[in-house]
Amino acid sequence: MKTKRLILPYLMTMLLCGCQSGPETTGRDLYTGEPSPAAVLDPADEGPLTISEAPTPTPEDIPTPTEEAGPAVKDPLTLLKDCAARGTALPDKLILPNGVELNDELLGNALLSSGNTARLKEVMLKAAKGEPVTLAYLGGSITAGSNASPMESLCWASLTTDWWRGTFPEAEIEYINAGIGATDSYVGVHRLKRDILDHDPDVVVVEFSVNDTTPLNTDTYESILRALLESSSSPAVVPLLLCSADHTFAYDHQPLATLYDLPVIAYYNLFDSGIISWEQAGDTDNVHPKNEGHALIAGLMCSFYGSVLDDLASEAEENGIEKVTKEVSEESASYELPEKYSLCSYTDAAFIFSDSPEAEPFIADGFVPSDKDTSVLKESGWTTKNAGSFSFEIEARTIGLAFEACDDPSGKDLVNYDVYVDGELYTDFDNSMDSRGNSQLRYVSVLSDDEASLHKVSLVPSADNKGKEFTILAWAVGR
């Protein structure tokens, strides 16, 4: 309306004043932008001035606006091949030790077996389509990132995850690092559900070859592999066999990985074969890898993943993506667990903390809930300042106790306890540090049976006990 009020008086003024029109007045067409007459003033030679309006455009005269075409949607095979091409590159932050190349000799000595890769290929097909993927890492201090600097970004687990994110940029990659220093597979199997399985992982790397040291660990390690493989999310399981400068339990873990037809990433074998020296990759503590060692471990993992992805892309190009996807799914679904090598007593094991529902009937005489923030397990256990006692009944197949050790070298503050099961003395222990000087977590295995049954457990100070302070991190129970 404002436009009409401005134009009309202007035209009336021209008419009344007998003004002559100038050159033809034009504007810009709303749709084409071309000059077009807005109003043509056509004065006659003699007589009043008349107005003739420009013709109104019809719908046919108005061009249809066009939208720019978006990027073409790639077919699944092209997406997979693009991912495979990216998977040949190592993460930028991954810097190998001087003089070390991931050549055929090195990779051949590290990859002792590729195993059944069907589950892993399923995850890669999922990631190539841009679907979310969860990667989990279970192990000790090397998995947690000890001696990598900065630990969070240059530990081998983080570097390996960088490969997944760089190779599958459209997928949301969740990273779960469940490494806890100075813990073995006994501790690992009891936190498996809370730290790993409850997150429905797609890929789980298991690393305990440095911290496992006893025959019991054969059972606990196999229990981890078996529990993972039969869990609801059906993750791909990748055993990673590491070493310190003078120790590895990999010789016991490797047959178990082979039994379950799993990949065997044998970092330790690079040192056994003389391809790598400890000085090139290991730190001066003779236990942990330095940055170059973490990078080498990640390089082995990424090279293995890259070879599996490359094979998958080649199979899909040759036989068709739909056929290969179906075959991979069928092979994954047909996987069968082998006969157990050990008893696998711990496939249904977990820690019980002071706030766990199972702990409600526990009788803790002289104990109070401990501070979860000071616990390596990040949960509340029980603590006493006067050598308290403990008792409860529980249906279980295995029973153990995780506790904090005393870091007093004189030993005068050590607490000595006896553990009774169904009225019989099963074991006794003190809370001294282990041979590696670890004080944050020690454990004692109390009971291991073939089947679960109801047991009454009592923890009481020994007759010769003189210590007072003692902290229970958790009770370890398998069913």
Protein backbone atom coordinates (compact mmCIF):
# COMPACT_ATOMS: atom_id res chain seq x y z
CA MET A 1 0.00 0.00 0.00
CA LYS A 2 2.87 2.39 0.67
CA THR A 3 4.07 1.97 -2.90
CA LYS A 4 0.66 2.93 -4.33
CA ARG A 5 0.37 6.00 -2.13
CA LEU A 6 3.74 7.25 -3.40
CA ILE A 7 3.23 6.57 -7.12
CA LEU A 8 -0.38 7.75 -7.56
CA PRO A 9 0.13 11.35 -6.38
CA TYR A 10 3.19 11.57 -8.63
CA LEU A 11 1.18 10.55 -11.71
CA MET A 12 -1.72 12.89 -10.83
CA THR A 13 0.70 15.77 -10.53
CA MET A 14 2.06 15.07 -13.98
CA LEU A 15 -1.42 14.96 -15.48
CA LEU A 16 -2.61 18.15 -13.86
CA CYS A 17 0.53 20.05 -14.81
CA GLY A 18 0.46 18.87 -18.41
CA CYS A 19 4.05 17.59 -18.11
CA GLN A 20 5.51 15.68 -20.99
CA SER A 21 6.92 12.23 -20.29
CA GLY A 22 10.60 11.53 -20.64
CA PRO A 23 12.13 8.39 -22.01
CA GLU A 24 10.34 5.12 -21.38
CA THR A 25 10.63 4.12 -17.69
CA THR A 26 11.79 0.55 -17.01
CA GLY A 27 12.45 -1.71 -13.97
CA ARG A 28 13.85 -5.23 -13.42
CA ASP A 29 11.72 -8.30 -13.92
CA LEU A 30 11.18 -10.04 -10.55
CA TYR A 31 12.05 -13.48 -11.89
CA THR A 32 14.48 -12.93 -14.78
CA GLY A 33 16.19 -9.72 -13.66
CA GLU A 34 15.85 -8.34 -17.21
CA PRO A 35 14.71 -4.74 -17.90
CA SER A 36 10.94 -4.56 -18.23
CA PRO A 37 8.45 -1.66 -18.41
CA ALA A 38 6.92 -0.92 -15.06
CA ALA A 39 4.54 1.82 -16.39
CA VAL A 40 4.58 3.52 -19.79
CA LEU A 41 3.40 7.12 -19.93
CA ASP A 42 1.92 7.67 -23.39
CA PRO A 43 0.83 11.32 -23.86
CA ALA A 44 -1.28 12.05 -26.93
CA ASP A 45 -0.36 14.96 -29.26
CA GLU A 46 -3.49 16.83 -28.31
CA GLY A 47 -5.59 15.84 -25.42
CA PRO A 48 -5.24 14.54 -21.92
CA LEU A 49 -2.38 12.29 -20.94
CA THR A 50 -3.29 8.56 -20.72
CA ILE A 51 -1.66 5.70 -18.85
CA SER A 52 -1.12 2.26 -20.32
CA GLU A 53 0.21 -0.47 -17.95
CA ALA A 54 2.68 -3.12 -18.99
CA PRO A 55 1.10 -6.54 -19.66
CA THR A 56 0.82 -8.86 -16.66
CA PRO A 57 3.00 -11.96 -17.13
CA THR A 58 1.25 -15.34 -17.28
CA PRO A 59 2.50 -18.40 -15.30
CA GLU A 60 3.96 -19.74 -18.52
CA ASP A 61 6.10 -16.60 -18.81
CA ILE A 62 7.62 -17.11 -15.31
CA PRO A 63 10.66 -19.39 -15.33
CA THR A 64 10.72 -22.08 -12.63
CA PRO A 65 13.54 -21.47 -10.10
CA THR A 66 16.08 -24.30 -10.10
CA GLU A 67 17.96 -25.66 -7.04
CA GLU A 68 21.58 -26.64 -7.19
CA ALA A 69 22.04 -30.40 -7.14
CA GLY A 70 23.68 -31.78 -3.99
CA PRO A 71 26.59 -34.22 -3.99
CA ALA A 72 25.79 -37.55 -5.51
CA VAL A 73 25.04 -40.32 -3.03
CA LYS A 74 27.71 -42.99 -3.27
CA ASP A 75 26.76 -46.62 -3.52
CA PRO A 76 27.87 -49.01 -0.72
CA LEU A 77 30.70 -50.51 -2.77
CA THR A 78 32.20 -47.10 -3.53
CA LEU A 79 31.92 -46.12 0.13
CA LEU A 80 33.74 -49.29 1.16
CA LYS A 81 36.48 -48.82 -1.43
CA ASP A 82 36.99 -45.22 -0.32
CA CYS A 83 37.37 -46.40 3.28
CA ALA A 84 39.86 -49.06 2.21
CA ALA A 85 41.91 -46.43 0.38
CA ARG A 86 42.01 -44.26 3.50
CA GLY A 87 42.84 -47.29 5.64
CA THR A 88 46.25 -47.68 4.03
CA ALA A 89 47.46 -44.54 5.83
CA LEU A 90 48.63 -44.48 9.43
CA PRO A 91 47.45 -41.69 11.78
CA ASP A 92 49.60 -38.55 11.56
CA LYS A 93 50.48 -38.71 15.27
CA LEU A 94 51.87 -42.23 14.92
CA ILE A 95 55.68 -41.92 14.79
CA LEU A 96 57.52 -45.24 14.67
CA PRO A 97 60.92 -45.87 16.30
CA ASN A 98 63.93 -44.76 14.29
CA GLY A 99 64.85 -47.27 11.63
CA VAL A 100 61.61 -49.26 11.99
CA GLU A 101 59.33 -49.83 9.02
CA LEU A 102 56.08 -51.77 8.92
CA ASN A 103 57.40 -54.04 6.18
CA ASP A 104 56.42 -57.62 5.37
CA GLU A 105 59.09 -59.12 7.64
CA LEU A 106 58.02 -57.13 10.67
CA LEU A 107 54.30 -57.63 10.11
CA GLY A 108 54.81 -61.33 9.40
CA ASN A 109 56.53 -61.79 12.75
CA ALA A 110 53.85 -59.84 14.60
CA LEU A 111 50.70 -61.24 12.98
CA LEU A 112 50.99 -64.90 13.89
CA SER A 113 47.40 -65.57 12.82
CA SER A 114 44.59 -63.49 11.36
CA GLY A 115 41.99 -65.90 12.72
CA ASN A 116 38.33 -65.69 11.83
CA THR A 117 37.73 -62.08 10.75
CA ALA A 118 34.02 -62.34 9.97
CA ARG A 119 32.93 -60.30 13.00
CA LEU A 120 35.56 -57.69 12.28
CA LYS A 121 34.42 -57.40 8.68
CA GLU A 122 30.85 -56.96 9.88
CA VAL A 123 31.96 -54.02 11.99
CA MET A 124 33.83 -52.49 9.03
CA LEU A 125 30.80 -52.80 6.78
CA LYS A 126 28.77 -51.11 9.48
CA ALA A 127 31.29 -48.28 9.85
CA ALA A 128 31.58 -47.79 6.07
CA LYS A 129 27.83 -47.06 5.98
CA GLY A 130 28.28 -44.37 8.63
CA GLU A 131 26.73 -46.32 11.48
CA PRO A 132 28.08 -45.87 15.04
CA VAL A 133 30.82 -48.23 16.24
CA THR A 134 32.11 -48.83 19.79
CA LEU A 135 35.76 -49.78 20.30
CA ALA A 136 36.80 -51.06 23.74
CA TYR A 137 40.24 -51.81 25.16
CA LEU A 138 40.69 -54.00 28.25
CA GLY A 139 44.06 -54.39 29.92
CA GLY A 140 46.63 -53.08 32.36
CA SER A 141 48.82 -50.01 32.56
CA ILE A 142 50.11 -50.27 28.97
CA THR A 143 46.55 -50.13 27.69
CA ALA A 144 45.82 -47.23 30.07
CA GLY A 145 48.72 -45.43 28.39
CA SER A 146 51.54 -45.54 30.93
CA ASN A 147 54.73 -43.78 29.79
CA ALA A 148 53.08 -42.34 26.69
CA SER A 149 53.26 -38.55 26.69
CA PRO A 150 50.67 -37.17 26.48
CA MET A 151 49.02 -40.34 27.70
CA GLU A 152 45.51 -39.61 26.46
CA SER A 153 46.42 -39.01 22.82
CA LEU A 154 49.62 -41.00 22.22
CA CYS A 155 48.84 -44.28 23.95
CA TRP A 156 48.50 -47.18 21.53
CA ALA A 157 44.74 -47.53 22.13
CA SER A 158 44.05 -43.89 21.26
CA LEU A 159 46.31 -44.03 18.18
CA THR A 160 44.53 -47.17 16.99
CA THR A 161 41.17 -45.46 17.43
CA ASP A 162 42.49 -42.56 15.34
CA TRP A 163 42.87 -45.03 12.47
CA TRP A 164 39.21 -46.00 12.71
CA ARG A 165 38.09 -42.38 12.80
CA GLY A 166 40.29 -41.44 9.86
CA THR A 167 39.29 -44.48 7.81
CA PHE A 168 35.54 -44.22 8.50
CA PRO A 169 34.92 -40.45 8.79
CA GLU A 170 31.13 -40.79 8.46
CA ALA A 171 30.85 -43.17 11.43
CA GLU A 172 30.61 -42.09 15.06
CA ILE A 173 33.43 -44.00 16.80
CA GLU A 174 33.06 -44.40 20.56
CA TYR A 175 36.34 -45.03 22.41
CA ILE A 176 36.37 -46.93 25.72
CA ASN A 177 39.75 -47.32 27.41
CA ALA A 178 39.32 -49.76 30.30
CA GLY A 179 43.00 -50.15 31.13
CA ILE A 180 43.92 -50.12 34.84
CA GLY A 181 47.55 -50.23 35.91
CA ALA A 182 48.99 -53.20 37.78
CA THR A 183 45.90 -55.37 37.19
CA ASP A 184 45.77 -58.78 35.57
CA SER A 185 43.01 -60.78 33.92
CA TYR A 186 41.61 -61.86 37.33
CA VAL A 187 40.72 -58.24 38.00
CA GLY A 188 39.79 -57.79 34.35
CA VAL A 189 37.26 -60.60 34.25
CA HIS A 190 35.49 -59.26 37.36
CA ARG A 191 35.07 -55.79 35.82
CA LEU A 192 34.32 -57.09 32.33
CA LYS A 193 30.57 -56.57 32.52
CA ARG A 194 30.68 -53.12 34.10
CA ASP A 195 33.55 -51.68 32.05
CA ILE A 196 33.04 -53.42 28.69
CA LEU A 197 29.92 -55.52 28.12
CA ASP A 198 27.45 -52.94 29.42
CA HIS A 199 28.58 -50.66 26.56
CA ASP A 200 27.67 -53.20 23.82
CA PRO A 201 31.09 -53.06 22.14
CA ASP A 202 31.69 -53.89 18.49
CA VAL A 203 35.43 -54.56 18.84
CA VAL A 204 37.33 -55.47 22.02
CA VAL A 205 41.12 -55.64 22.25
CA VAL A 206 42.34 -57.70 25.25
CA GLU A 207 45.82 -57.08 26.71
CA PHE A 208 47.07 -58.84 29.86
CA SER A 209 50.24 -60.59 28.76
CA VAL A 210 52.53 -58.48 30.94
CA ASN A 211 50.52 -58.57 34.18
CA ASP A 212 49.31 -62.19 34.07
CA THR A 213 51.81 -64.32 36.00
CA THR A 214 50.08 -67.31 37.65
CA PRO A 215 48.33 -70.53 36.53
CA LEU A 216 45.04 -69.01 37.72
CA ASN A 217 45.37 -66.44 34.93
CA THR A 218 44.93 -69.12 32.28
CA ASP A 219 41.39 -69.63 33.56
CA THR A 220 40.66 -65.91 34.02
CA TYR A 221 42.03 -64.96 30.58
CA GLU A 222 40.11 -67.69 28.76
CA SER A 223 37.01 -66.71 30.71
CA ILE A 224 37.35 -63.17 29.32
CA LEU A 225 37.64 -64.41 25.74
CA ARG A 226 34.71 -66.77 26.11
CA ALA A 227 32.46 -64.26 27.88
CA LEU A 228 33.13 -61.67 25.18
CA LEU A 229 32.49 -64.05 22.30
CA GLU A 230 29.16 -65.23 23.68
CA SER A 231 27.95 -61.78 24.81
CA SER A 232 24.88 -60.19 23.26
CA SER A 233 26.69 -57.65 21.08
CA SER A 234 28.86 -60.39 19.47
CA PRO A 235 32.01 -58.24 19.33
CA ALA A 236 35.11 -58.95 17.30
CA VAL A 237 37.77 -59.96 19.84
CA VAL A 238 41.44 -59.18 19.20
CA PRO A 239 44.07 -60.53 21.65
CA LEU A 240 47.13 -58.28 21.84
CA LEU A 241 50.20 -60.07 23.22
CA LEU A 242 52.69 -57.63 24.75
CA CYS A 243 55.82 -58.01 26.85
CA SER A 244 58.13 -56.22 29.23
CA ALA A 245 61.90 -56.34 28.85
CA ASP A 246 62.10 -59.66 30.68
CA HIS A 247 58.59 -61.11 31.02
CA THR A 248 55.52 -62.09 29.06
CA PHE A 249 52.61 -64.45 29.65
CA ALA A 250 52.00 -64.45 25.89
CA TYR A 251 53.21 -68.03 25.58
CA ASP A 252 50.17 -69.05 27.65
CA HIS A 253 47.74 -66.64 25.99
CA GLN A 254 48.67 -67.45 22.40
CA PRO A 255 47.33 -71.05 22.41
CA LEU A 256 44.04 -69.78 23.83
CA ALA A 257 43.70 -67.16 21.10
CA THR A 258 44.44 -69.81 18.49
CA LEU A 259 41.95 -72.22 20.08
CA TYR A 260 39.19 -69.63 19.66
CA ASP A 261 40.32 -68.81 16.08
CA LEU A 262 41.11 -65.21 16.98
CA PRO A 263 43.73 -62.88 15.51
CA VAL A 264 47.10 -63.04 17.27
CA ILE A 265 48.89 -59.68 17.33
CA ALA A 266 52.24 -60.71 18.84
CA TYR A 267 54.21 -57.56 19.66
CA TYR A 268 56.39 -59.68 21.94
CA ASN A 269 57.60 -61.74 19.00
CA LEU A 270 59.36 -58.74 17.46
CA PHE A 271 61.72 -58.77 20.44
CA ASP A 272 62.01 -62.58 20.55
CA SER A 273 62.98 -62.63 16.88
CA GLY A 274 65.51 -59.82 17.28
CA ILE A 275 63.79 -57.49 14.80
CA ILE A 276 63.30 -54.84 17.49
CA SER A 277 65.45 -54.10 20.54
CA TRP A 278 63.97 -53.00 23.85
CA GLU A 279 65.94 -49.76 23.65
CA GLN A 280 64.13 -48.84 20.43
CA ALA A 281 60.61 -49.17 21.81
CA GLY A 282 60.72 -49.75 25.57
CA ASP A 283 61.20 -47.29 28.39
CA THR A 284 63.94 -47.38 30.99
CA ASP A 285 61.64 -48.95 33.60
CA ASN A 286 61.88 -52.17 31.52
CA VAL A 287 58.11 -52.62 31.73
CA HIS A 288 56.31 -50.04 29.64
CA PRO A 289 56.75 -48.87 26.05
CA LYS A 290 57.79 -45.29 25.46
CA ASN A 291 56.06 -43.16 22.81
CA GLU A 292 57.79 -45.03 20.00
CA GLY A 293 56.67 -48.35 21.48
CA HIS A 294 53.07 -47.22 21.78
CA ALA A 295 53.27 -46.07 18.15
CA LEU A 296 54.69 -49.45 17.10
CA ILE A 297 51.88 -51.33 18.86
CA ALA A 298 49.31 -49.07 17.19
CA GLY A 299 51.07 -49.52 13.84
CA LEU A 300 50.69 -53.29 14.12
CA MET A 301 47.01 -52.94 14.99
CA CYS A 302 46.32 -50.46 12.18
CA SER A 303 48.19 -52.57 9.63
CA PHE A 304 46.18 -55.62 10.59
CA TYR A 305 42.89 -53.72 10.40
CA GLY A 306 43.92 -52.19 7.08
CA SER A 307 44.70 -55.59 5.55
CA VAL A 308 41.33 -56.98 6.65
CA LEU A 309 39.53 -53.95 5.20
CA ASP A 310 41.47 -54.17 1.95
CA ASP A 311 40.57 -57.86 1.58
CA LEU A 312 36.93 -57.03 2.29
CA ALA A 313 36.84 -54.29 -0.36
CA SER A 314 38.50 -56.57 -2.94
CA GLU A 315 36.00 -59.35 -2.25
CA ALA A 316 33.10 -56.91 -2.57
CA GLU A 317 34.40 -55.53 -5.88
CA GLU A 318 34.87 -59.01 -7.31
CA ASN A 319 31.70 -60.67 -6.05
CA GLY A 320 29.35 -57.79 -5.33
CA ILE A 321 28.77 -55.92 -2.08
CA GLU A 322 25.41 -57.56 -1.35
CA LYS A 323 26.76 -61.08 -1.76
CA VAL A 324 29.83 -60.41 0.38
CA THR A 325 27.74 -58.72 3.09
CA LYS A 326 25.49 -61.76 3.24
CA GLU A 327 28.41 -64.20 3.33
CA VAL A 328 30.17 -62.26 6.10
CA SER A 329 26.97 -62.18 8.16
CA GLU A 330 26.43 -65.90 7.71
CA GLU A 331 30.01 -66.73 8.63
CA SER A 332 29.81 -64.56 11.73
CA ALA A 333 26.52 -66.13 12.81
CA SER A 334 27.85 -69.64 12.31
CA TYR A 335 30.85 -69.19 14.63
CA GLU A 336 30.87 -71.83 17.35
CA LEU A 337 32.78 -71.71 20.61
CA PRO A 338 35.36 -74.50 20.95
CA GLU A 339 35.61 -76.87 23.87
CA LYS A 340 37.06 -75.16 26.93
CA TYR A 341 40.76 -75.48 27.60
CA SER A 342 40.45 -74.49 31.27
CA LEU A 343 37.46 -74.61 33.59
CA CYS A 344 36.36 -71.11 32.49
CA SER A 345 35.16 -70.55 36.04
CA TYR A 346 34.81 -66.80 35.68
CA THR A 347 32.61 -66.23 32.62
CA ASP A 348 29.86 -64.88 34.91
CA ALA A 349 31.94 -62.97 37.43
CA ALA A 350 31.66 -59.47 38.87
CA PHE A 351 32.81 -57.26 41.71
CA ILE A 352 30.43 -56.51 44.57
CA PHE A 353 30.82 -53.04 46.09
CA SER A 354 29.34 -51.54 49.24
CA ASP A 355 26.48 -49.95 47.30
CA SER A 356 25.74 -53.03 45.16
CA PRO A 357 22.29 -54.58 45.73
CA GLU A 358 23.96 -57.93 46.47
CA ALA A 359 25.81 -56.34 49.41
CA GLU A 360 22.69 -55.39 51.37
CA PRO A 361 22.69 -58.52 53.58
CA PHE A 362 26.46 -58.34 54.18
CA ILE A 363 27.46 -57.88 57.83
CA ALA A 364 30.43 -55.52 58.07
CA ASP A 365 31.42 -55.29 61.72
CA GLY A 366 33.76 -52.35 62.22
CA PHE A 367 33.79 -51.47 58.50
CA VAL A 368 32.25 -48.39 56.88
CA PRO A 369 31.86 -47.56 53.16
CA SER A 370 35.09 -46.29 51.65
CA ASP A 371 35.62 -43.27 49.39
CA LYS A 372 35.14 -44.27 45.75
CA ASP A 373 37.32 -41.39 44.57
CA THR A 374 40.38 -42.96 46.20
CA SER A 375 39.71 -46.44 44.79
CA VAL A 376 41.45 -47.63 41.66
CA LEU A 377 38.14 -49.30 40.77
CA LYS A 378 36.29 -45.98 41.19
CA GLU A 379 33.64 -47.58 43.39
CA SER A 380 32.96 -47.59 47.12
CA GLY A 381 34.19 -50.61 49.07
CA TRP A 382 34.62 -50.93 52.84
CA THR A 383 37.29 -49.65 55.21
CA THR A 384 38.16 -50.23 58.85
CA LYS A 385 40.52 -48.50 61.24
CA ASN A 386 40.41 -51.21 63.86
CA ALA A 387 40.72 -54.55 62.00
CA GLY A 388 37.02 -55.19 61.64
CA SER A 389 35.36 -58.45 60.59
CA PHE A 390 33.05 -59.38 57.74
CA SER A 391 30.48 -62.11 57.03
CA PHE A 392 27.83 -62.96 54.45
CA GLU A 393 26.07 -65.78 52.63
CA ILE A 394 26.09 -65.95 48.84
CA GLU A 395 25.47 -68.40 46.04
CA ALA A 396 28.72 -68.56 44.11
CA ARG A 397 31.13 -70.71 42.18
CA THR A 398 34.17 -68.54 42.84
CA ILE A 399 34.90 -66.05 45.63
CA GLY A 400 37.77 -63.64 46.07
CA LEU A 401 38.72 -60.41 47.76
CA ALA A 402 40.30 -57.28 46.25
CA PHE A 403 41.99 -54.93 48.71
CA GLU A 404 44.50 -52.12 49.11
CA ALA A 405 47.99 -53.15 50.22
CA CYS A 406 49.95 -51.44 52.96
CA ASP A 407 52.90 -49.40 51.69
CA ASP A 408 54.71 -49.46 55.06
CA PRO A 409 58.05 -51.20 54.35
CA SER A 410 58.60 -51.97 58.03
CA GLY A 411 55.57 -54.25 58.07
CA LYS A 412 54.50 -53.15 61.55
CA ASP A 413 51.14 -51.93 60.23
CA LEU A 414 50.30 -55.06 58.24
CA VAL A 415 46.90 -56.59 58.87
CA ASN A 416 46.61 -60.39 58.91
CA TYR A 417 43.26 -61.99 58.10
CA ASP A 418 41.81 -65.50 57.99
CA VAL A 419 39.06 -66.37 55.51
CA TYR A 420 36.56 -69.11 56.42
CA VAL A 421 34.13 -70.71 53.97
CA ASP A 422 31.31 -72.79 55.45
CA GLY A 423 33.16 -72.86 58.77
CA GLU A 424 36.47 -74.11 57.36
CA LEU A 425 39.65 -72.06 57.09
CA TYR A 426 40.28 -71.66 53.36
CA THR A 427 43.16 -69.20 53.31
CA ASP A 428 44.97 -66.50 55.23
CA PHE A 429 46.79 -63.44 53.97
CA ASP A 430 48.25 -60.08 54.91
CA ASN A 431 47.98 -56.79 53.12
CA SER A 432 51.64 -56.41 52.16
CA MET A 433 52.56 -55.15 48.71
CA ASP A 434 53.15 -57.63 45.90
CA SER A 435 56.54 -58.37 44.35
CA ARG A 436 56.18 -55.39 41.99
CA GLY A 437 55.55 -52.97 44.82
CA ASN A 438 51.90 -52.50 43.93
CA SER A 439 49.79 -51.05 46.70
CA GLN A 440 46.71 -49.80 44.88
CA LEU A 441 45.15 -53.23 44.36
CA ARG A 442 45.88 -56.77 45.45
CA TYR A 443 43.56 -59.74 45.56
CA VAL A 444 43.28 -63.15 47.11
CA SER A 445 41.34 -66.02 45.51
CA VAL A 446 39.37 -67.74 48.23
CA LEU A 447 37.20 -70.36 46.53
CA SER A 448 36.84 -71.99 43.10
CA ASP A 449 34.29 -74.79 42.58
CA ASP A 450 32.93 -76.62 39.57
CA GLU A 451 29.40 -75.38 40.23
CA ALA A 452 27.75 -72.54 42.11
CA SER A 453 26.26 -73.29 45.53
CA LEU A 454 25.34 -71.43 48.71
CA HIS A 455 28.34 -70.55 50.88
CA LYS A 456 28.87 -68.70 54.15
CA VAL A 457 31.99 -66.53 54.12
CA SER A 458 33.73 -65.00 57.13
CA LEU A 459 36.70 -62.62 57.24
CA VAL A 460 38.29 -62.30 60.70
CA PRO A 461 41.62 -60.96 61.97
CA SER A 462 44.22 -63.68 62.54
CA ALA A 463 45.20 -64.52 66.10
CA ASP A 464 48.62 -62.90 65.66
CA ASN A 465 47.31 -59.79 63.90
CA LYS A 466 48.66 -56.44 65.10
CA GLY A 467 47.55 -54.13 62.31
CA LYS A 468 44.42 -52.03 62.32
CA GLU A 469 43.71 -50.25 59.03
CA PHE A 470 42.42 -52.24 56.10
CA THR A 471 40.41 -51.37 52.98
CA ILE A 472 38.36 -53.83 50.95
CA LEU A 473 38.00 -52.58 47.40
CA ALA A 474 35.43 -55.23 46.44
CA TRP A 475 34.39 -58.82 46.88
CA ALA A 476 34.92 -60.83 43.70
CA VAL A 477 32.15 -63.33 42.98
CA GLY A 478 31.57 -65.70 40.07
CA ARG A 479 28.44 -67.72 39.49
